[in-house]
Amino acid sequence: MNIEEIFKEVLDCSFRVHTGLGPGLLENVYNECLYFELLESGLKAEKQKPLPLIYKEVRLETGYRIDILVEDSIVVEIKSVEQMADIHLAQILTYMRLSKCRLGLLINFNVLHLKEGIKRVIL
């Protein structure tokens, strides 16, 4: 699968989760269900992947964690908020830079129609 096919499968999995659960739940619920769907679809996924920060050639365990890393190439950041804010975009951009991933998906599951809660992010 190329990265666009993987990305489409991640979107499909996200829509299945939102269709099954709807809005209004906690982020960790959507995180667990999306992780399950990704594995069921045959994709390699890692949840709550630790993300160290390298500063002046020193590896610092700062507590950053990627919600879900798919196929070592797509950062998925999950939210369940009333409205997306600039800080959410800044967060995924930081995770993408630190992980050297060029493609990200910011998903807010707390919306009536999931397409309104999806933002594709490219570095």
Protein backbone atom coordinates (compact mmCIF):
# COMPACT_ATOMS: atom_id res chain seq x y z
CA MET A 1 0.00 0.00 0.00
CA ASN A 2 1.22 3.49 -0.73
CA ILE A 3 0.78 6.31 1.78
CA GLU A 4 -2.40 7.62 0.13
CA GLU A 5 -4.02 4.17 0.31
CA ILE A 6 -3.02 3.91 3.96
CA PHE A 7 -4.41 7.40 4.61
CA LYS A 8 -7.72 6.45 2.98
CA GLU A 9 -7.94 3.32 5.14
CA VAL A 10 -7.31 5.41 8.27
CA LEU A 11 -10.15 7.71 7.20
CA ASP A 12 -12.44 4.73 6.57
CA CYS A 13 -11.64 3.35 10.03
CA SER A 14 -12.32 6.77 11.57
CA PHE A 15 -15.72 6.97 9.91
CA ARG A 16 -16.60 3.47 11.16
CA VAL A 17 -15.73 4.49 14.72
CA HIS A 18 -17.73 7.72 14.51
CA THR A 19 -20.71 5.95 12.94
CA GLY A 20 -20.65 3.35 15.71
CA LEU A 21 -20.13 5.68 18.65
CA GLY A 22 -21.25 9.15 17.61
CA PRO A 23 -19.99 12.33 19.27
CA GLY A 24 -19.75 13.11 22.98
CA LEU A 25 -17.32 10.52 24.36
CA LEU A 26 -13.83 10.96 25.79
CA GLU A 27 -10.75 11.04 23.55
CA ASN A 28 -9.35 7.82 25.01
CA VAL A 29 -12.51 5.93 23.93
CA TYR A 30 -12.12 7.06 20.33
CA ASN A 31 -8.39 6.35 20.53
CA GLU A 32 -8.93 2.75 21.64
CA CYS A 33 -11.68 2.10 19.10
CA LEU A 34 -9.74 3.61 16.20
CA TYR A 35 -6.67 1.61 17.19
CA PHE A 36 -8.81 -1.55 17.17
CA GLU A 37 -10.27 -0.71 13.73
CA LEU A 38 -6.81 -0.03 12.28
CA LEU A 39 -5.51 -3.39 13.50
CA GLU A 40 -8.65 -5.13 12.21
CA SER A 41 -8.04 -3.60 8.78
CA GLY A 42 -4.54 -5.07 8.72
CA LEU A 43 -2.57 -1.88 9.27
CA LYS A 44 0.40 -1.60 11.60
CA ALA A 45 -0.56 0.84 14.35
CA GLU A 46 1.05 1.93 17.60
CA LYS A 47 -0.95 3.78 20.22
CA GLN A 48 0.40 6.28 22.73
CA LYS A 49 3.82 6.00 21.10
CA PRO A 50 6.47 7.80 23.19
CA LEU A 51 8.14 10.61 21.31
CA PRO A 52 11.49 11.75 22.71
CA LEU A 53 12.90 15.20 22.07
CA ILE A 54 16.50 15.52 20.90
CA TYR A 55 18.08 18.71 22.21
CA LYS A 56 21.77 19.43 21.62
CA GLU A 57 22.31 15.74 20.81
CA VAL A 58 20.73 14.70 24.12
CA ARG A 59 17.66 12.47 24.07
CA LEU A 60 15.06 13.83 26.50
CA GLU A 61 12.03 11.82 27.55
CA THR A 62 9.64 14.75 27.76
CA GLY A 63 6.35 12.90 27.95
CA TYR A 64 5.19 13.58 24.40
CA ARG A 65 3.09 10.76 22.97
CA ILE A 66 1.59 10.29 19.54
CA ASP A 67 -2.02 9.13 19.89
CA ILE A 68 -1.65 6.65 17.02
CA LEU A 69 1.20 6.15 14.58
CA VAL A 70 0.10 4.23 11.48
CA GLU A 71 2.58 2.27 9.36
CA ASP A 72 5.45 4.39 10.77
CA SER A 73 4.34 7.17 8.45
CA ILE A 74 1.07 8.83 9.51
CA VAL A 75 0.58 10.66 12.82
CA VAL A 76 -3.03 10.53 14.02
CA GLU A 77 -4.02 12.99 16.74
CA ILE A 78 -7.45 12.44 18.25
CA LYS A 79 -9.59 15.10 19.87
CA SER A 80 -13.05 15.26 21.36
CA VAL A 81 -13.57 18.98 21.77
CA GLU A 82 -16.32 21.47 21.08
CA GLN A 83 -14.15 23.28 18.54
CA MET A 84 -10.66 22.82 17.14
CA ALA A 85 -8.12 25.45 18.16
CA ASP A 86 -4.82 26.59 16.69
CA ILE A 87 -3.00 24.79 19.52
CA HIS A 88 -4.31 21.45 18.22
CA LEU A 89 -2.75 22.09 14.83
CA ALA A 90 0.49 23.22 16.50
CA GLN A 91 0.52 20.00 18.53
CA ILE A 92 0.25 17.66 15.55
CA LEU A 93 2.81 19.69 13.59
CA THR A 94 5.25 19.32 16.49
CA TYR A 95 4.64 15.57 16.66
CA MET A 96 5.15 15.28 12.92
CA ARG A 97 8.43 17.19 13.01
CA LEU A 98 9.77 15.20 15.98
CA SER A 99 8.78 11.87 14.41
CA LYS A 100 9.92 12.90 10.91
CA CYS A 101 6.50 12.00 9.49
CA ARG A 102 5.30 14.17 6.62
CA LEU A 103 1.60 13.28 6.85
CA GLY A 104 -0.78 13.73 9.75
CA LEU A 105 -4.46 13.44 10.50
CA LEU A 106 -6.13 15.58 13.14
CA ILE A 107 -9.55 14.19 14.02
CA ASN A 108 -12.17 15.76 16.25
CA PHE A 109 -14.76 13.08 16.98
CA ASN A 110 -17.02 15.49 18.88
CA VAL A 111 -18.89 16.65 15.78
CA LEU A 112 -22.20 15.66 14.27
CA HIS A 113 -20.66 14.84 10.86
CA LEU A 114 -17.10 13.54 11.04
CA LYS A 115 -16.04 15.15 7.76
CA GLU A 116 -16.32 18.49 9.61
CA GLY A 117 -13.84 17.27 12.25
CA ILE A 118 -11.06 16.04 9.96
CA LYS A 119 -7.95 17.98 9.03
CA ARG A 120 -5.22 16.54 6.83
CA VAL A 121 -1.82 17.96 7.75
CA ILE A 122 1.23 17.86 5.48
CA LEU A 123 4.78 18.97 6.27
